[in-house]
């Protein structure tokens, strides 16, 4: 499928190609997978599920970056 759809990433609209996976979205955003936590439509998604989680029109993705400190 090559149709453009829209999702919400951290509250901002973003276009994507239908059939795109969560894993591809995160790679396109240039995020280090070891330093983020991802919520997809209100549920935390573990890293092994990212490649098989297919995005749909209107989905909501929240990405939280883990920052060390002390």
N, C-alpha and C. Protein backbone atom coordinates (compact mmCIF):
# COMPACT_ATOMS: atom_id res chain seq x y z
N UNK A 1 0.83 -1.18 0.00
CA UNK A 1 0.00 0.00 0.00
C UNK A 1 0.88 1.25 0.00
N UNK A 2 0.52 2.22 -0.77
CA UNK A 2 1.27 3.46 -0.83
C UNK A 2 0.43 4.67 -0.43
N UNK A 3 -0.66 4.45 0.25
CA UNK A 3 -1.52 5.55 0.64
C UNK A 3 -0.94 6.26 1.86
N UNK A 4 -1.04 7.58 1.85
CA UNK A 4 -0.59 8.36 3.00
C UNK A 4 -1.69 8.40 4.05
N UNK A 5 -1.30 8.23 5.28
CA UNK A 5 -2.21 8.32 6.41
C UNK A 5 -1.58 9.22 7.45
N UNK A 6 -2.30 9.46 8.53
CA UNK A 6 -1.78 10.33 9.58
C UNK A 6 -1.86 9.63 10.92
N UNK A 7 -0.80 9.77 11.69
CA UNK A 7 -0.78 9.32 13.07
C UNK A 7 -0.40 10.53 13.92
N UNK A 8 -0.48 10.34 15.21
CA UNK A 8 -0.07 11.38 16.15
C UNK A 8 1.15 10.87 16.91
N UNK A 9 2.25 11.62 16.85
CA UNK A 9 3.48 11.25 17.55
C UNK A 9 3.77 12.34 18.56
N UNK A 10 3.71 11.97 19.83
CA UNK A 10 3.89 12.93 20.93
C UNK A 10 3.01 14.16 20.74
N UNK A 11 1.77 13.92 20.33
CA UNK A 11 0.79 14.99 20.21
C UNK A 11 0.84 15.78 18.91
N UNK A 12 1.77 15.45 18.02
CA UNK A 12 1.91 16.16 16.75
C UNK A 12 1.51 15.25 15.60
N UNK A 13 0.76 15.78 14.61
CA UNK A 13 0.39 14.95 13.46
C UNK A 13 1.61 14.64 12.59
N UNK A 14 1.63 13.43 12.07
CA UNK A 14 2.72 13.01 11.19
C UNK A 14 2.17 12.09 10.12
N UNK A 15 2.57 12.33 8.88
CA UNK A 15 2.14 11.47 7.77
C UNK A 15 3.01 10.23 7.72
N UNK A 16 2.44 9.13 7.23
CA UNK A 16 3.19 7.89 7.07
C UNK A 16 2.53 7.07 5.98
N UNK A 17 3.24 6.09 5.49
CA UNK A 17 2.70 5.18 4.48
C UNK A 17 1.95 4.06 5.18
N UNK A 18 0.75 3.76 4.70
CA UNK A 18 -0.01 2.66 5.29
C UNK A 18 0.80 1.38 5.22
N UNK A 19 0.70 0.59 6.26
CA UNK A 19 1.45 -0.66 6.33
C UNK A 19 2.79 -0.51 7.03
N UNK A 20 3.16 0.73 7.38
CA UNK A 20 4.44 0.97 8.05
C UNK A 20 4.38 0.43 9.47
N UNK A 21 5.51 -0.10 9.93
CA UNK A 21 5.57 -0.64 11.29
C UNK A 21 6.08 0.41 12.27
N UNK A 22 5.84 0.15 13.52
CA UNK A 22 6.35 1.02 14.59
C UNK A 22 7.87 1.06 14.53
N UNK A 23 8.49 -0.08 14.28
CA UNK A 23 9.94 -0.16 14.18
C UNK A 23 10.48 0.79 13.11
N UNK A 24 9.83 0.82 11.95
CA UNK A 24 10.25 1.69 10.84
C UNK A 24 10.09 3.16 11.21
N UNK A 25 8.98 3.49 11.85
CA UNK A 25 8.75 4.86 12.29
C UNK A 25 9.88 5.32 13.22
N UNK A 26 10.21 4.50 14.20
CA UNK A 26 11.25 4.87 15.16
C UNK A 26 12.60 5.01 14.48
N UNK A 27 12.90 4.13 13.52
CA UNK A 27 14.16 4.23 12.77
C UNK A 27 14.18 5.52 11.95
N UNK A 28 13.05 5.84 11.30
CA UNK A 28 12.96 7.06 10.50
C UNK A 28 13.16 8.31 11.36
N UNK A 29 12.75 8.23 12.62
CA UNK A 29 12.91 9.36 13.54
C UNK A 29 14.33 9.43 14.11
N UNK A 30 15.14 8.40 13.84
CA UNK A 30 16.53 8.39 14.28
C UNK A 30 16.71 8.16 15.77
N UNK A 31 15.79 7.43 16.37
CA UNK A 31 15.83 7.21 17.81
C UNK A 31 16.61 5.94 18.16
N UNK A 32 17.37 6.01 19.24
CA UNK A 32 18.10 4.85 19.74
C UNK A 32 17.11 3.96 20.50
N UNK A 33 16.84 2.76 20.01
CA UNK A 33 15.82 1.92 20.64
C UNK A 33 16.13 1.53 22.08
N UNK A 34 17.39 1.61 22.47
CA UNK A 34 17.73 1.25 23.85
C UNK A 34 17.46 2.38 24.84
N UNK A 35 17.13 3.56 24.31
CA UNK A 35 16.95 4.71 25.19
C UNK A 35 15.54 5.28 25.17
N UNK A 36 14.57 4.50 24.68
CA UNK A 36 13.20 5.00 24.61
C UNK A 36 12.21 3.97 25.12
N UNK A 37 11.06 4.48 25.52
CA UNK A 37 9.89 3.67 25.86
C UNK A 37 8.78 4.16 24.94
N UNK A 38 8.01 3.22 24.38
CA UNK A 38 6.99 3.58 23.41
C UNK A 38 5.61 3.15 23.91
N UNK A 39 4.69 4.10 23.87
CA UNK A 39 3.28 3.82 24.16
C UNK A 39 2.52 3.94 22.84
N UNK A 40 1.73 2.92 22.54
CA UNK A 40 0.99 2.88 21.28
C UNK A 40 -0.49 2.72 21.61
N UNK A 41 -1.26 3.74 21.29
CA UNK A 41 -2.70 3.75 21.60
C UNK A 41 -2.98 3.41 23.06
N UNK A 42 -2.18 4.00 23.94
CA UNK A 42 -2.42 3.86 25.37
C UNK A 42 -1.78 2.65 26.04
N UNK A 43 -1.06 1.83 25.29
CA UNK A 43 -0.42 0.63 25.85
C UNK A 43 1.08 0.68 25.59
N UNK A 44 1.87 0.30 26.61
CA UNK A 44 3.31 0.21 26.43
C UNK A 44 3.59 -0.96 25.49
N UNK A 45 4.46 -0.73 24.50
CA UNK A 45 4.83 -1.77 23.55
C UNK A 45 6.29 -2.14 23.79
N UNK A 46 6.53 -3.41 24.08
CA UNK A 46 7.90 -3.88 24.29
C UNK A 46 8.64 -3.95 22.96
N UNK A 47 9.94 -3.76 23.01
CA UNK A 47 10.77 -3.70 21.81
C UNK A 47 10.59 -4.89 20.86
N UNK A 48 10.47 -6.14 21.33
CA UNK A 48 10.30 -7.25 20.37
C UNK A 48 9.03 -7.14 19.52
N UNK A 49 8.05 -6.37 19.97
CA UNK A 49 6.80 -6.23 19.22
C UNK A 49 6.84 -5.08 18.20
N UNK A 50 7.84 -4.23 18.25
CA UNK A 50 7.90 -3.09 17.34
C UNK A 50 7.87 -3.48 15.87
N UNK A 51 8.62 -4.51 15.44
CA UNK A 51 8.62 -4.86 14.01
C UNK A 51 7.29 -5.41 13.50
N UNK A 52 6.43 -5.88 14.39
CA UNK A 52 5.16 -6.47 13.95
C UNK A 52 3.96 -5.60 14.29
N UNK A 53 4.21 -4.43 14.87
CA UNK A 53 3.13 -3.49 15.19
C UNK A 53 2.93 -2.57 14.00
N UNK A 54 1.83 -2.78 13.27
CA UNK A 54 1.55 -2.01 12.06
C UNK A 54 0.70 -0.80 12.42
N UNK A 55 1.15 0.37 11.98
CA UNK A 55 0.46 1.62 12.27
C UNK A 55 -0.79 1.77 11.42
N UNK A 56 -1.80 2.40 12.02
CA UNK A 56 -3.04 2.66 11.30
C UNK A 56 -3.41 4.13 11.40
N UNK A 57 -4.24 4.59 10.49
CA UNK A 57 -4.66 5.98 10.45
C UNK A 57 -5.27 6.39 11.79
N UNK A 58 -4.79 7.50 12.34
CA UNK A 58 -5.32 8.03 13.59
C UNK A 58 -4.70 7.46 14.85
N UNK A 59 -3.76 6.51 14.70
CA UNK A 59 -3.11 5.94 15.88
C UNK A 59 -2.32 7.00 16.62
N UNK A 60 -2.10 6.74 17.91
CA UNK A 60 -1.33 7.66 18.75
C UNK A 60 -0.11 6.94 19.30
N UNK A 61 1.04 7.57 19.10
CA UNK A 61 2.31 7.04 19.57
C UNK A 61 2.94 8.08 20.49
N UNK A 62 3.29 7.66 21.68
CA UNK A 62 4.01 8.53 22.60
C UNK A 62 5.38 7.91 22.82
N UNK A 63 6.41 8.70 22.65
CA UNK A 63 7.78 8.22 22.79
C UNK A 63 8.44 9.00 23.92
N UNK A 64 8.97 8.26 24.89
CA UNK A 64 9.63 8.88 26.03
C UNK A 64 11.10 8.47 25.99
N UNK A 65 11.98 9.45 26.05
CA UNK A 65 13.42 9.19 26.06
C UNK A 65 13.87 9.02 27.50
N UNK A 66 14.64 7.97 27.74
CA UNK A 66 15.17 7.69 29.07
C UNK A 66 16.48 8.47 29.22
N UNK A 67 16.57 9.24 30.29
CA UNK A 67 17.75 10.05 30.54
C UNK A 67 18.31 9.65 31.90
N UNK A 68 19.58 9.29 31.93
CA UNK A 68 20.23 8.94 33.19
C UNK A 68 20.58 10.20 33.96
N UNK A 69 20.71 10.04 35.23
CA UNK A 69 21.07 11.18 36.06
C UNK A 69 21.23 10.74 37.50
N UNK A 70 21.56 11.67 38.28
CA UNK A 70 21.73 11.29 39.66
C UNK A 70 21.84 12.46 40.57
